[in-house]
């Protein structure tokens, strides 16, 4: 994945950045600016009901902070990442290894 940056809106949350959980090894680096909390989800970002795609209802948890080579690193497969509980203008930058 090319470097992706999303900004928090008036609600203090960013739009979710969808990750590819099928790339092995799964490696994602992220940085967040501001006061928001980084969260991750394992919810299917493209759910299908009765043969039709529907909007996902993500279940969010605070992102782990294990860092083998940097301050923020995800080494287990998640499907999405976002910032919440911040202020307008907080930024989240995400890079996933293995995708152009």
Protein backbone atom coordinates (compact mmCIF):
# COMPACT_ATOMS: atom_id res chain seq x y z
CA UNK A 1 0.00 0.00 0.00
CA UNK A 2 1.25 3.43 -0.79
CA UNK A 3 1.47 5.71 2.19
CA UNK A 4 -2.07 6.75 3.07
CA UNK A 5 -2.95 9.72 5.27
CA UNK A 6 -6.45 10.43 6.55
CA UNK A 7 -7.56 13.44 8.61
CA UNK A 8 -10.08 13.51 11.43
CA UNK A 9 -13.24 15.45 10.74
CA UNK A 10 -15.37 17.48 13.10
CA UNK A 11 -16.29 14.29 14.99
CA UNK A 12 -12.60 13.75 15.87
CA UNK A 13 -12.48 10.45 13.94
CA UNK A 14 -10.90 9.49 10.63
CA UNK A 15 -12.44 7.28 7.98
CA UNK A 16 -11.22 3.66 8.34
CA UNK A 17 -8.19 2.67 6.29
CA UNK A 18 -8.84 -0.85 4.96
CA UNK A 19 -5.89 -3.26 5.25
CA UNK A 20 -5.22 -6.51 3.36
CA UNK A 21 -5.12 -9.26 5.99
CA UNK A 22 -4.13 -11.89 3.41
CA UNK A 23 -0.63 -10.54 2.76
CA UNK A 24 1.96 -12.63 4.57
CA UNK A 25 3.79 -11.59 6.54
CA UNK A 26 1.29 -8.97 7.72
CA UNK A 27 3.22 -5.78 8.53
CA UNK A 28 1.68 -2.33 8.97
CA UNK A 29 3.38 0.81 10.27
CA UNK A 30 1.38 3.84 11.35
CA UNK A 31 1.86 7.25 12.90
CA UNK A 32 -0.81 9.43 14.43
CA UNK A 33 -0.64 13.12 15.20
CA UNK A 34 -2.83 14.87 17.73
CA UNK A 35 -4.67 13.55 20.74
CA UNK A 36 -6.74 10.78 19.14
CA UNK A 37 -6.68 7.08 19.95
CA UNK A 38 -5.60 4.62 17.24
CA UNK A 39 -8.02 1.72 16.90
CA UNK A 40 -8.04 -1.45 14.80
CA UNK A 41 -10.76 -3.87 13.74
CA UNK A 42 -11.03 -7.46 12.56
CA UNK A 43 -14.51 -6.88 11.10
CA UNK A 44 -15.04 -7.73 7.42
CA UNK A 45 -14.86 -4.35 5.62
CA UNK A 46 -16.91 -5.69 2.68
CA UNK A 47 -19.80 -7.71 4.20
CA UNK A 48 -22.34 -9.42 1.95
CA UNK A 49 -25.95 -10.00 2.99
CA UNK A 50 -28.31 -11.90 0.65
CA UNK A 51 -25.79 -11.51 -2.18
CA UNK A 52 -25.47 -7.73 -1.77
CA UNK A 53 -22.67 -5.67 -0.29
CA UNK A 54 -23.76 -3.73 2.79
CA UNK A 55 -22.07 -1.08 4.92
CA UNK A 56 -19.76 -2.62 7.54
CA UNK A 57 -20.37 -2.27 11.25
CA UNK A 58 -16.84 -2.27 12.63
CA UNK A 59 -15.98 -3.48 16.13
CA UNK A 60 -13.03 -1.34 17.24
CA UNK A 61 -10.32 -2.02 19.85
CA UNK A 62 -7.33 0.10 20.86
CA UNK A 63 -4.36 -0.69 18.62
CA UNK A 64 -1.53 -2.72 20.14
CA UNK A 65 1.75 -0.86 20.43
CA UNK A 66 4.23 -3.72 19.96
CA UNK A 67 7.10 -2.23 18.01
CA UNK A 68 9.84 -4.49 16.66
CA UNK A 69 11.34 -1.79 14.42
CA UNK A 70 9.53 1.43 15.19
CA UNK A 71 7.19 3.22 17.55
CA UNK A 72 3.95 1.82 16.09
CA UNK A 73 3.73 -1.50 14.27
CA UNK A 74 0.98 -4.09 13.70
CA UNK A 75 2.18 -7.65 13.21
CA UNK A 76 -1.13 -9.50 13.35
CA UNK A 77 -3.86 -9.36 10.69
CA UNK A 78 -6.41 -6.59 11.12
CA UNK A 79 -8.86 -5.43 8.46
CA UNK A 80 -9.01 -1.70 9.23
CA UNK A 81 -7.39 1.07 11.28
CA UNK A 82 -8.60 4.54 12.31
CA UNK A 83 -8.16 7.38 14.81
CA UNK A 84 -11.02 8.31 17.14
CA UNK A 85 -11.60 10.63 20.12
CA UNK A 86 -9.35 13.28 18.65
CA UNK A 87 -9.93 16.73 17.26
CA UNK A 88 -10.54 17.96 13.75
CA UNK A 89 -7.28 17.82 11.80
CA UNK A 90 -5.66 14.91 13.68
CA UNK A 91 -3.87 12.74 11.11
CA UNK A 92 -3.24 9.01 10.70
CA UNK A 93 -0.59 7.84 8.23
CA UNK A 94 -0.53 4.12 7.35
CA UNK A 95 1.86 2.01 5.25
CA UNK A 96 1.32 -1.73 4.66
CA UNK A 97 4.26 -3.76 3.39
CA UNK A 98 3.73 -5.82 0.24
CA UNK A 99 1.21 -3.64 -1.62
CA UNK A 100 1.99 -1.00 -4.24
